[in-house]
Amino acid sequence: MIHLKNIHPVTDFTRKTKQYIQRLKKTGDPEVLTVNGQAEIVVQSAGAYQKLLEQAELAETLAGIKRGLADADRGDVRPAREFFRELAAKHGIKLK
């Protein structure tokens, strides 16, 4: 969530870039930069951005697991051996 205290004009960011970078690194909070009073861009530290990417990846993984469990609950599955046989045949791979 973006707090009102973290919304600033881009001109202020341009004039005080070093201070902004220090604050972004310290807090890890994103800040919104405005142009003519309208939100235009969000800036954040590289560390905070990496954390956000990791959280998004985890959320996608969990969603995939939930879909798989729902498929299993519905019985919409097939044996792994059958899948691997079809995959191998499709790609010309000989299985033992």
PDB file of N, CA and C in Angstrom:
ATOM      1  N   MET A   1       0.841  -1.174   0.000  1.00  0.00           N
ATOM      2  CA  MET A   1       0.000   0.000   0.000  1.00  0.00           C
ATOM      3  C   MET A   1       0.889   1.241   0.000  1.00  0.00           C
ATOM      4  N   ILE A   2       0.525   2.218  -0.792  1.00  0.00           N
ATOM      5  CA  ILE A   2       1.266   3.477  -0.866  1.00  0.00           C
ATOM      6  C   ILE A   2       0.642   4.469   0.123  1.00  0.00           C
ATOM      7  N   HIS A   3       1.458   5.016   0.978  1.00  0.00           N
ATOM      8  CA  HIS A   3       0.984   6.023   1.934  1.00  0.00           C
ATOM      9  C   HIS A   3       1.064   7.410   1.307  1.00  0.00           C
ATOM     10  N   LEU A   4       0.179   8.294   1.727  1.00  0.00           N
ATOM     11  CA  LEU A   4       0.171   9.659   1.183  1.00  0.00           C
ATOM     12  C   LEU A   4       1.511  10.353   1.368  1.00  0.00           C
ATOM     13  N   LYS A   5       2.214  10.034   2.458  1.00  0.00           N
ATOM     14  CA  LYS A   5       3.530  10.665   2.700  1.00  0.00           C
ATOM     15  C   LYS A   5       4.561  10.234   1.660  1.00  0.00           C
ATOM     16  N   ASN A   6       4.257   9.188   0.884  1.00  0.00           N
ATOM     17  CA  ASN A   6       5.187   8.671  -0.120  1.00  0.00           C
ATOM     18  C   ASN A   6       4.811   9.079  -1.536  1.00  0.00           C
ATOM     19  N   ILE A   7       4.103  10.189  -1.668  1.00  0.00           N
ATOM     20  CA  ILE A   7       3.751  10.728  -2.982  1.00  0.00           C
ATOM     21  C   ILE A   7       4.419  12.092  -3.114  1.00  0.00           C
ATOM     22  N   HIS A   8       5.238  12.229  -4.155  1.00  0.00           N
ATOM     23  CA  HIS A   8       6.040  13.444  -4.308  1.00  0.00           C
ATOM     24  C   HIS A   8       6.114  13.857  -5.776  1.00  0.00           C
ATOM     25  N   PRO A   9       6.322  15.154  -6.021  1.00  0.00           N
ATOM     26  CA  PRO A   9       6.512  15.603  -7.406  1.00  0.00           C
ATOM     27  C   PRO A   9       7.843  15.095  -7.962  1.00  0.00           C
ATOM     28  N   VAL A  10       7.853  14.761  -9.228  1.00  0.00           N
ATOM     29  CA  VAL A  10       9.076  14.278  -9.860  1.00  0.00           C
ATOM     30  C   VAL A  10      10.167  15.353  -9.807  1.00  0.00           C
ATOM     31  N   THR A  11       9.789  16.606  -9.833  1.00  0.00           N
ATOM     32  CA  THR A  11      10.792  17.680  -9.758  1.00  0.00           C
ATOM     33  C   THR A  11      11.521  17.652  -8.413  1.00  0.00           C
ATOM     34  N   ASP A  12      10.810  17.310  -7.343  1.00  0.00           N
ATOM     35  CA  ASP A  12      11.440  17.195  -6.028  1.00  0.00           C
ATOM     36  C   ASP A  12      12.422  16.025  -6.035  1.00  0.00           C
ATOM     37  N   PHE A  13      12.030  14.932  -6.646  1.00  0.00           N
ATOM     38  CA  PHE A  13      12.912  13.773  -6.771  1.00  0.00           C
ATOM     39  C   PHE A  13      14.163  14.142  -7.557  1.00  0.00           C
ATOM     40  N   THR A  14      13.994  14.888  -8.621  1.00  0.00           N
ATOM     41  CA  THR A  14      15.129  15.291  -9.456  1.00  0.00           C
ATOM     42  C   THR A  14      16.110  16.168  -8.670  1.00  0.00           C
ATOM     43  N   ARG A  15      15.565  17.081  -7.869  1.00  0.00           N
ATOM     44  CA  ARG A  15      16.429  17.984  -7.081  1.00  0.00           C
ATOM     45  C   ARG A  15      17.115  17.281  -5.918  1.00  0.00           C
ATOM     46  N   LYS A  16      16.472  16.282  -5.357  1.00  0.00           N
ATOM     47  CA  LYS A  16      16.983  15.642  -4.137  1.00  0.00           C
ATOM     48  C   LYS A  16      17.169  14.131  -4.324  1.00  0.00           C
ATOM     49  N   THR A  17      17.692  13.743  -5.464  1.00  0.00           N
ATOM     50  CA  THR A  17      17.805  12.322  -5.804  1.00  0.00           C
ATOM     51  C   THR A  17      18.556  11.525  -4.738  1.00  0.00           C
ATOM     52  N   LYS A  18      19.667  12.037  -4.266  1.00  0.00           N
ATOM     53  CA  LYS A  18      20.475  11.313  -3.280  1.00  0.00           C
ATOM     54  C   LYS A  18      19.667  11.041  -2.010  1.00  0.00           C
ATOM     55  N   GLN A  19      18.918  12.045  -1.545  1.00  0.00           N
ATOM     56  CA  GLN A  19      18.095  11.860  -0.343  1.00  0.00           C
ATOM     57  C   GLN A  19      17.001  10.813  -0.573  1.00  0.00           C
ATOM     58  N   TYR A  20      16.406  10.857  -1.739  1.00  0.00           N
ATOM     59  CA  TYR A  20      15.368   9.884  -2.062  1.00  0.00           C
ATOM     60  C   TYR A  20      15.931   8.469  -2.065  1.00  0.00           C
ATOM     61  N   ILE A  21      17.074   8.296  -2.700  1.00  0.00           N
ATOM     62  CA  ILE A  21      17.678   6.965  -2.782  1.00  0.00           C
ATOM     63  C   ILE A  21      17.993   6.439  -1.388  1.00  0.00           C
ATOM     64  N   GLN A  22      18.538   7.292  -0.535  1.00  0.00           N
ATOM     65  CA  GLN A  22      18.841   6.874   0.834  1.00  0.00           C
ATOM     66  C   GLN A  22      17.560   6.454   1.564  1.00  0.00           C
ATOM     67  N   ARG A  23      16.494   7.233   1.402  1.00  0.00           N
ATOM     68  CA  ARG A  23      15.231   6.925   2.070  1.00  0.00           C
ATOM     69  C   ARG A  23      14.625   5.629   1.517  1.00  0.00           C
ATOM     70  N   LEU A  24      14.670   5.459   0.192  1.00  0.00           N
ATOM     71  CA  LEU A  24      14.132   4.255  -0.425  1.00  0.00           C
ATOM     72  C   LEU A  24      14.857   3.008   0.075  1.00  0.00           C
ATOM     73  N   LYS A  25      16.167   3.094   0.180  1.00  0.00           N
ATOM     74  CA  LYS A  25      16.951   1.962   0.682  1.00  0.00           C
ATOM     75  C   LYS A  25      16.643   1.688   2.147  1.00  0.00           C
ATOM     76  N   LYS A  26      16.512   2.749   2.932  1.00  0.00           N
ATOM     77  CA  LYS A  26      16.287   2.601   4.373  1.00  0.00           C
ATOM     78  C   LYS A  26      14.911   2.016   4.677  1.00  0.00           C
ATOM     79  N   THR A  27      13.883   2.538   4.051  1.00  0.00           N
ATOM     80  CA  THR A  27      12.521   2.128   4.376  1.00  0.00           C
ATOM     81  C   THR A  27      12.061   0.903   3.599  1.00  0.00           C
ATOM     82  N   GLY A  28      12.543   0.744   2.372  1.00  0.00           N
ATOM     83  CA  GLY A  28      12.067  -0.327   1.512  1.00  0.00           C
ATOM     84  C   GLY A  28      10.689  -0.051   0.940  1.00  0.00           C
ATOM     85  N   ASP A  29      10.122   1.102   1.271  1.00  0.00           N
ATOM     86  CA  ASP A  29       8.791   1.470   0.789  1.00  0.00           C
ATOM     87  C   ASP A  29       8.868   2.101  -0.595  1.00  0.00           C
ATOM     88  N   PRO A  30       7.924   1.776  -1.478  1.00  0.00           N
ATOM     89  CA  PRO A  30       7.877   2.447  -2.779  1.00  0.00           C
ATOM     90  C   PRO A  30       7.355   3.870  -2.618  1.00  0.00           C
ATOM     91  N   GLU A  31       7.699   4.713  -3.564  1.00  0.00           N
ATOM     92  CA  GLU A  31       7.189   6.086  -3.568  1.00  0.00           C
ATOM     93  C   GLU A  31       6.637   6.399  -4.952  1.00  0.00           C
ATOM     94  N   VAL A  32       5.576   7.179  -4.975  1.00  0.00           N
ATOM     95  CA  VAL A  32       4.935   7.585  -6.220  1.00  0.00           C
ATOM     96  C   VAL A  32       5.438   8.972  -6.582  1.00  0.00           C
ATOM     97  N   LEU A  33       5.840   9.132  -7.833  1.00  0.00           N
ATOM     98  CA  LEU A  33       6.258  10.442  -8.330  1.00  0.00           C
ATOM     99  C   LEU A  33       5.166  10.970  -9.254  1.00  0.00           C
ATOM    100  N   THR A  34       4.862  12.239  -9.074  1.00  0.00           N
ATOM    101  CA  THR A  34       3.779  12.843  -9.846  1.00  0.00           C
ATOM    102  C   THR A  34       4.310  13.873 -10.833  1.00  0.00           C
ATOM    103  N   VAL A  35       3.556  14.054 -11.909  1.00  0.00           N
ATOM    104  CA  VAL A  35       3.804  15.108 -12.889  1.00  0.00           C
ATOM    105  C   VAL A  35       2.489  15.854 -13.032  1.00  0.00           C
ATOM    106  N   ASN A  36       2.538  17.141 -12.774  1.00  0.00           N
ATOM    107  CA  ASN A  36       1.330  17.975 -12.805  1.00  0.00           C
ATOM    108  C   ASN A  36       0.225  17.396 -11.920  1.00  0.00           C
ATOM    109  N   GLY A  37       0.610  16.882 -10.759  1.00  0.00           N
ATOM    110  CA  GLY A  37      -0.356  16.381  -9.797  1.00  0.00           C
ATOM    111  C   GLY A  37      -0.900  14.992 -10.080  1.00  0.00           C
ATOM    112  N   GLN A  38      -0.476  14.360 -11.171  1.00  0.00           N
ATOM    113  CA  GLN A  38      -0.953  13.030 -11.528  1.00  0.00           C
ATOM    114  C   GLN A  38       0.153  11.992 -11.303  1.00  0.00           C
ATOM    115  N   ALA A  39      -0.211  10.871 -10.697  1.00  0.00           N
ATOM    116  CA  ALA A  39       0.761   9.802 -10.487  1.00  0.00           C
ATOM    117  C   ALA A  39       1.288   9.322 -11.840  1.00  0.00           C
ATOM    118  N   GLU A  40       2.604   9.265 -11.969  1.00  0.00           N
ATOM    119  CA  GLU A  40       3.215   8.866 -13.242  1.00  0.00           C
ATOM    120  C   GLU A  40       4.139   7.666 -13.115  1.00  0.00           C
ATOM    121  N   ILE A  41       4.829   7.548 -11.984  1.00  0.00           N
ATOM    122  CA  ILE A  41       5.830   6.492 -11.860  1.00  0.00           C
ATOM    123  C   ILE A  41       5.987   6.100 -10.396  1.00  0.00           C
ATOM    124  N   VAL A  42       6.349   4.844 -10.188  1.00  0.00           N
ATOM    125  CA  VAL A  42       6.644   4.354  -8.848  1.00  0.00           C
ATOM    126  C   VAL A  42       8.130   4.007  -8.813  1.00  0.00           C
ATOM    127  N   VAL A  43       8.803   4.445  -7.754  1.00  0.00           N
ATOM    128  CA  VAL A  43      10.221   4.117  -7.588  1.00  0.00           C
ATOM    129  C   VAL A  43      10.394   3.365  -6.271  1.00  0.00           C
ATOM    130  N   GLN A  44      11.355   2.452  -6.269  1.00  0.00           N
ATOM    131  CA  GLN A  44      11.662   1.717  -5.051  1.00  0.00           C
ATOM    132  C   GLN A  44      13.092   1.210  -5.145  1.00  0.00           C
ATOM    133  N   SER A  45      13.619   0.782  -4.021  1.00  0.00           N
ATOM    134  CA  SER A  45      14.987   0.278  -4.010  1.00  0.00           C
ATOM    135  C   SER A  45      15.049  -1.050  -4.746  1.00  0.00           C
ATOM    136  N   ALA A  46      16.243  -1.396  -5.213  1.00  0.00           N
ATOM    137  CA  ALA A  46      16.433  -2.666  -5.914  1.00  0.00           C
ATOM    138  C   ALA A  46      16.125  -3.840  -4.990  1.00  0.00           C
ATOM    139  N   GLY A  47      16.496  -3.730  -3.722  1.00  0.00           N
ATOM    140  CA  GLY A  47      16.233  -4.797  -2.768  1.00  0.00           C
ATOM    141  C   GLY A  47      14.744  -5.021  -2.566  1.00  0.00           C
ATOM    142  N   ALA A  48      13.991  -3.926  -2.443  1.00  0.00           N
ATOM    143  CA  ALA A  48      12.542  -4.029  -2.267  1.00  0.00           C
ATOM    144  C   ALA A  48      11.896  -4.598  -3.529  1.00  0.00           C
ATOM    145  N   TYR A  49      12.406  -4.218  -4.689  1.00  0.00           N
ATOM    146  CA  TYR A  49      11.865  -4.737  -5.947  1.00  0.00           C
ATOM    147  C   TYR A  49      12.118  -6.240  -6.064  1.00  0.00           C
ATOM    148  N   GLN A  50      13.315  -6.682  -5.693  1.00  0.00           N
ATOM    149  CA  GLN A  50      13.645  -8.107  -5.740  1.00  0.00           C
ATOM    150  C   GLN A  50      12.708  -8.888  -4.818  1.00  0.00           C
ATOM    151  N   LYS A  51      12.472  -8.353  -3.620  1.00  0.00           N
ATOM    152  CA  LYS A  51      11.561  -9.005  -2.676  1.00  0.00           C
ATOM    153  C   LYS A  51      10.156  -9.116  -3.279  1.00  0.00           C
ATOM    154  N   LEU A  52       9.713  -8.064  -3.946  1.00  0.00           N
ATOM    155  CA  LEU A  52       8.401  -8.063  -4.593  1.00  0.00           C
ATOM    156  C   LEU A  52       8.329  -9.146  -5.677  1.00  0.00           C
ATOM    157  N   LEU A  53       9.390  -9.266  -6.474  1.00  0.00           N
ATOM    158  CA  LEU A  53       9.429 -10.301  -7.507  1.00  0.00           C
ATOM    159  C   LEU A  53       9.362 -11.695  -6.905  1.00  0.00           C
ATOM    160  N   GLU A  54      10.085 -11.902  -5.803  1.00  0.00           N
ATOM    161  CA  GLU A  54      10.074 -13.207  -5.144  1.00  0.00           C
ATOM    162  C   GLU A  54       8.690 -13.525  -4.587  1.00  0.00           C
ATOM    163  N   GLN A  55       8.025 -12.524  -4.027  1.00  0.00           N
ATOM    164  CA  GLN A  55       6.673 -12.732  -3.507  1.00  0.00           C
ATOM    165  C   GLN A  55       5.701 -13.056  -4.641  1.00  0.00           C
ATOM    166  N   ALA A  56       5.848 -12.397  -5.773  1.00  0.00           N
ATOM    167  CA  ALA A  56       4.977 -12.671  -6.920  1.00  0.00           C
ATOM    168  C   ALA A  56       5.220 -14.089  -7.436  1.00  0.00           C
ATOM    169  N   GLU A  57       6.473 -14.511  -7.490  1.00  0.00           N
ATOM    170  CA  GLU A  57       6.789 -15.866  -7.947  1.00  0.00           C
ATOM    171  C   GLU A  57       6.193 -16.908  -6.999  1.00  0.00           C
ATOM    172  N   LEU A  58       6.296 -16.655  -5.697  1.00  0.00           N
ATOM    173  CA  LEU A  58       5.721 -17.569  -4.718  1.00  0.00           C
ATOM    174  C   LEU A  58       4.203 -17.643  -4.883  1.00  0.00           C
ATOM    175  N   ALA A  59       3.567 -16.498  -5.093  1.00  0.00           N
ATOM    176  CA  ALA A  59       2.115 -16.473  -5.277  1.00  0.00           C
ATOM    177  C   ALA A  59       1.709 -17.278  -6.514  1.00  0.00           C
ATOM    178  N   GLU A  60       2.475 -17.154  -7.599  1.00  0.00           N
ATOM    179  CA  GLU A  60       2.189 -17.923  -8.817  1.00  0.00           C
ATOM    180  C   GLU A  60       2.372 -19.417  -8.569  1.00  0.00           C
ATOM    181  N   THR A  61       3.398 -19.778  -7.831  1.00  0.00           N
ATOM    182  CA  THR A  61       3.651 -21.180  -7.517  1.00  0.00           C
ATOM    183  C   THR A  61       2.502 -21.759  -6.691  1.00  0.00           C
ATOM    184  N   LEU A  62       2.088 -21.023  -5.669  1.00  0.00           N
ATOM    185  CA  LEU A  62       0.989 -21.493  -4.828  1.00  0.00           C
ATOM    186  C   LEU A  62      -0.306 -21.622  -5.618  1.00  0.00           C
ATOM    187  N   ALA A  63      -0.547 -20.686  -6.529  1.00  0.00           N
ATOM    188  CA  ALA A  63      -1.749 -20.759  -7.370  1.00  0.00           C
ATOM    189  C   ALA A  63      -1.701 -22.009  -8.246  1.00  0.00           C
ATOM    190  N   GLY A  64      -0.535 -22.348  -8.781  1.00  0.00           N
ATOM    191  CA  GLY A  64      -0.383 -23.551  -9.597  1.00  0.00           C
ATOM    192  C   GLY A  64      -0.621 -24.815  -8.785  1.00  0.00           C
ATOM    193  N   ILE A  65      -0.117 -24.818  -7.563  1.00  0.00           N
ATOM    194  CA  ILE A  65      -0.338 -25.976  -6.692  1.00  0.00           C
ATOM    195  C   ILE A  65      -1.827 -26.123  -6.383  1.00  0.00           C
ATOM    196  N   LYS A  66      -2.492 -25.016  -6.103  1.00  0.00           N
ATOM    197  CA  LYS A  66      -3.935 -25.062  -5.829  1.00  0.00           C
ATOM    198  C   LYS A  66      -4.710 -25.588  -7.031  1.00  0.00           C
ATOM    199  N   ARG A  67      -4.318 -25.166  -8.253  1.00  0.00           N
ATOM    200  CA  ARG A  67      -4.981 -25.675  -9.454  1.00  0.00           C
ATOM    201  C   ARG A  67      -4.767 -27.183  -9.580  1.00  0.00           C
ATOM    202  N   GLY A  68      -3.552 -27.632  -9.322  1.00  0.00           N
ATOM    203  CA  GLY A  68      -3.255 -29.059  -9.397  1.00  0.00           C
ATOM    204  C   GLY A  68      -4.048 -29.863  -8.379  1.00  0.00           C
ATOM    205  N   LEU A  69      -4.159 -29.345  -7.167  1.00  0.00           N
ATOM    206  CA  LEU A  69      -4.938 -30.035  -6.144  1.00  0.00           C
ATOM    207  C   LEU A  69      -6.421 -30.080  -6.518  1.00  0.00           C
ATOM    208  N   ALA A  70      -6.908 -28.982  -7.094  1.00  0.00           N
ATOM    209  CA  ALA A  70      -8.315 -28.955  -7.528  1.00  0.00           C
ATOM    210  C   ALA A  70      -8.541 -29.979  -8.642  1.00  0.00           C
ATOM    211  N   ASP A  71      -7.593 -30.086  -9.575  1.00  0.00           N
ATOM    212  CA  ASP A  71      -7.681 -31.103 -10.634  1.00  0.00           C
ATOM    213  C   ASP A  71      -7.743 -32.499 -10.017  1.00  0.00           C
ATOM    214  N   ALA A  72      -6.883 -32.745  -9.045  1.00  0.00           N
ATOM    215  CA  ALA A  72      -6.840 -34.061  -8.401  1.00  0.00           C
ATOM    216  C   ALA A  72      -8.157 -34.346  -7.678  1.00  0.00           C
ATOM    217  N   ASP A  73      -8.688 -33.344  -6.996  1.00  0.00           N
ATOM    218  CA  ASP A  73      -9.969 -33.522  -6.300  1.00  0.00           C
ATOM    219  C   ASP A  73     -11.091 -33.881  -7.266  1.00  0.00           C
ATOM    220  N   ARG A  74     -11.043 -33.324  -8.477  1.00  0.00           N
ATOM    221  CA  ARG A  74     -12.064 -33.608  -9.494  1.00  0.00           C
ATOM    222  C   ARG A  74     -11.791 -34.918 -10.227  1.00  0.00           C
ATOM    223  N   GLY A  75     -10.636 -35.503  -9.976  1.00  0.00           N
ATOM    224  CA  GLY A  75     -10.267 -36.725 -10.680  1.00  0.00           C
ATOM    225  C   GLY A  75      -9.760 -36.453 -12.080  1.00  0.00           C
ATOM    226  N   ASP A  76      -9.412 -35.211 -12.362  1.00  0.00           N
ATOM    227  CA  ASP A  76      -8.942 -34.812 -13.688  1.00  0.00           C
ATOM    228  C   ASP A  76      -7.426 -34.984 -13.765  1.00  0.00           C
ATOM    229  N   VAL A  77      -6.978 -36.217 -13.609  1.00  0.00           N
ATOM    230  CA  VAL A  77      -5.544 -36.531 -13.605  1.00  0.00           C
ATOM    231  C   VAL A  77      -5.319 -37.804 -14.406  1.00  0.00           C
ATOM    232  N   ARG A  78      -4.041 -38.120 -14.662  1.00  0.00           N
ATOM    233  CA  ARG A  78      -3.709 -39.380 -15.316  1.00  0.00           C
ATOM    234  C   ARG A  78      -2.384 -39.875 -14.745  1.00  0.00           C
ATOM    235  N   PRO A  79      -2.103 -41.136 -14.874  1.00  0.00           N
ATOM    236  CA  PRO A  79      -0.865 -41.686 -14.320  1.00  0.00           C
ATOM    237  C   PRO A  79       0.368 -41.045 -14.956  1.00  0.00           C
ATOM    238  N   ALA A  80       1.392 -40.847 -14.151  1.00  0.00           N
ATOM    239  CA  ALA A  80       2.635 -40.235 -14.627  1.00  0.00           C
ATOM    240  C   ALA A  80       3.272 -41.066 -15.734  1.00  0.00           C
ATOM    241  N   ARG A  81       3.228 -42.391 -15.601  1.00  0.00           N
ATOM    242  CA  ARG A  81       3.830 -43.252 -16.623  1.00  0.00           C
ATOM    243  C   ARG A  81       3.212 -42.988 -17.990  1.00  0.00           C
ATOM    244  N   GLU A  82       1.894 -42.836 -18.006  1.00  0.00           N
ATOM    245  CA  GLU A  82       1.188 -42.570 -19.265  1.00  0.00           C
ATOM    246  C   GLU A  82       1.660 -41.244 -19.864  1.00  0.00           C
ATOM    247  N   PHE A  83       1.766 -40.236 -19.038  1.00  0.00           N
ATOM    248  CA  PHE A  83       2.227 -38.930 -19.510  1.00  0.00           C
ATOM    249  C   PHE A  83       3.633 -39.017 -20.086  1.00  0.00           C
ATOM    250  N   PHE A  84       4.548 -39.673 -19.354  1.00  0.00           N
ATOM    251  CA  PHE A  84       5.932 -39.752 -19.809  1.00  0.00           C
ATOM    252  C   PHE A  84       6.064 -40.574 -21.090  1.00  0.00           C
ATOM    253  N   ARG A  85       5.237 -41.615 -21.237  1.00  0.00           N
ATOM    254  CA  ARG A  85       5.251 -42.382 -22.487  1.00  0.00           C
ATOM    255  C   ARG A  85       4.852 -41.488 -23.662  1.00  0.00           C
ATOM    256  N   GLU A  86       3.778 -40.725 -23.495  1.00  0.00           N
ATOM    257  CA  GLU A  86       3.319 -39.825 -24.562  1.00  0.00           C
ATOM    258  C   GLU A  86       4.359 -38.743 -24.869  1.00  0.00           C
ATOM    259  N   LEU A  87       4.960 -38.209 -23.833  1.00  0.00           N
ATOM    260  CA  LEU A  87       5.977 -37.171 -24.018  1.00  0.00           C
ATOM    261  C   LEU A  87       7.183 -37.727 -24.763  1.00  0.00           C
ATOM    262  N   ALA A  88       7.633 -38.890 -24.363  1.00  0.00           N
ATOM    263  CA  ALA A  88       8.782 -39.515 -25.022  1.00  0.00           C
ATOM    264  C   ALA A  88       8.470 -39.810 -26.481  1.00  0.00           C
ATOM    265  N   ALA A  89       7.279 -40.347 -26.740  1.00  0.00           N
ATOM    266  CA  ALA A  89       6.896 -40.655 -28.122  1.00  0.00           C
ATOM    267  C   ALA A  89       6.843 -39.384 -28.967  1.00  0.00           C
ATOM    268  N   LYS A  90       6.310 -38.347 -28.404  1.00  0.00           N
ATOM    269  CA  LYS A  90       6.186 -37.069 -29.128  1.00  0.00           C
ATOM    270  C   LYS A  90       7.552 -36.526 -29.533  1.00  0.00           C
ATOM    271  N   HIS A  91       8.564 -36.732 -28.695  1.00  0.00           N
ATOM    272  CA  HIS A  91       9.888 -36.177 -28.937  1.00  0.00           C
ATOM    273  C   HIS A  91      10.908 -37.223 -29.402  1.00  0.00           C
ATOM    274  N   GLY A  92      10.421 -38.402 -29.715  1.00  0.00           N
ATOM    275  CA  GLY A  92      11.311 -39.436 -30.235  1.00  0.00           C
ATOM    276  C   GLY A  92      12.335 -39.923 -29.230  1.00  0.00           C
ATOM    277  N   ILE A  93      11.949 -39.966 -27.988  1.00  0.00           N
ATOM    278  CA  ILE A  93      12.861 -40.417 -26.928  1.00  0.00           C
ATOM    279  C   ILE A  93      12.502 -41.851 -26.566  1.00  0.00           C
ATOM    280  N   LYS A  94      13.519 -42.686 -26.466  1.00  0.00           N
ATOM    281  CA  LYS A  94      13.289 -44.090 -26.117  1.00  0.00           C
ATOM    282  C   LYS A  94      13.379 -44.235 -24.607  1.00  0.00           C
ATOM    283  N   LEU A  95      12.361 -44.813 -24.010  1.00  0.00           N
ATOM    284  CA  LEU A  95      12.352 -45.052 -22.560  1.00  0.00           C
ATOM    285  C   LEU A  95      12.792 -46.468 -22.260  1.00  0.00           C
ATOM    286  N   LYS A  96      13.354 -46.674 -21.107  1.00  0.00           N
ATOM    287  CA  LYS A  96      13.776 -48.025 -20.669  1.00  0.00           C
ATOM    288  C   LYS A  96      12.620 -48.734 -20.057  1.00  0.00           C
TER     289      LYS A  96
END
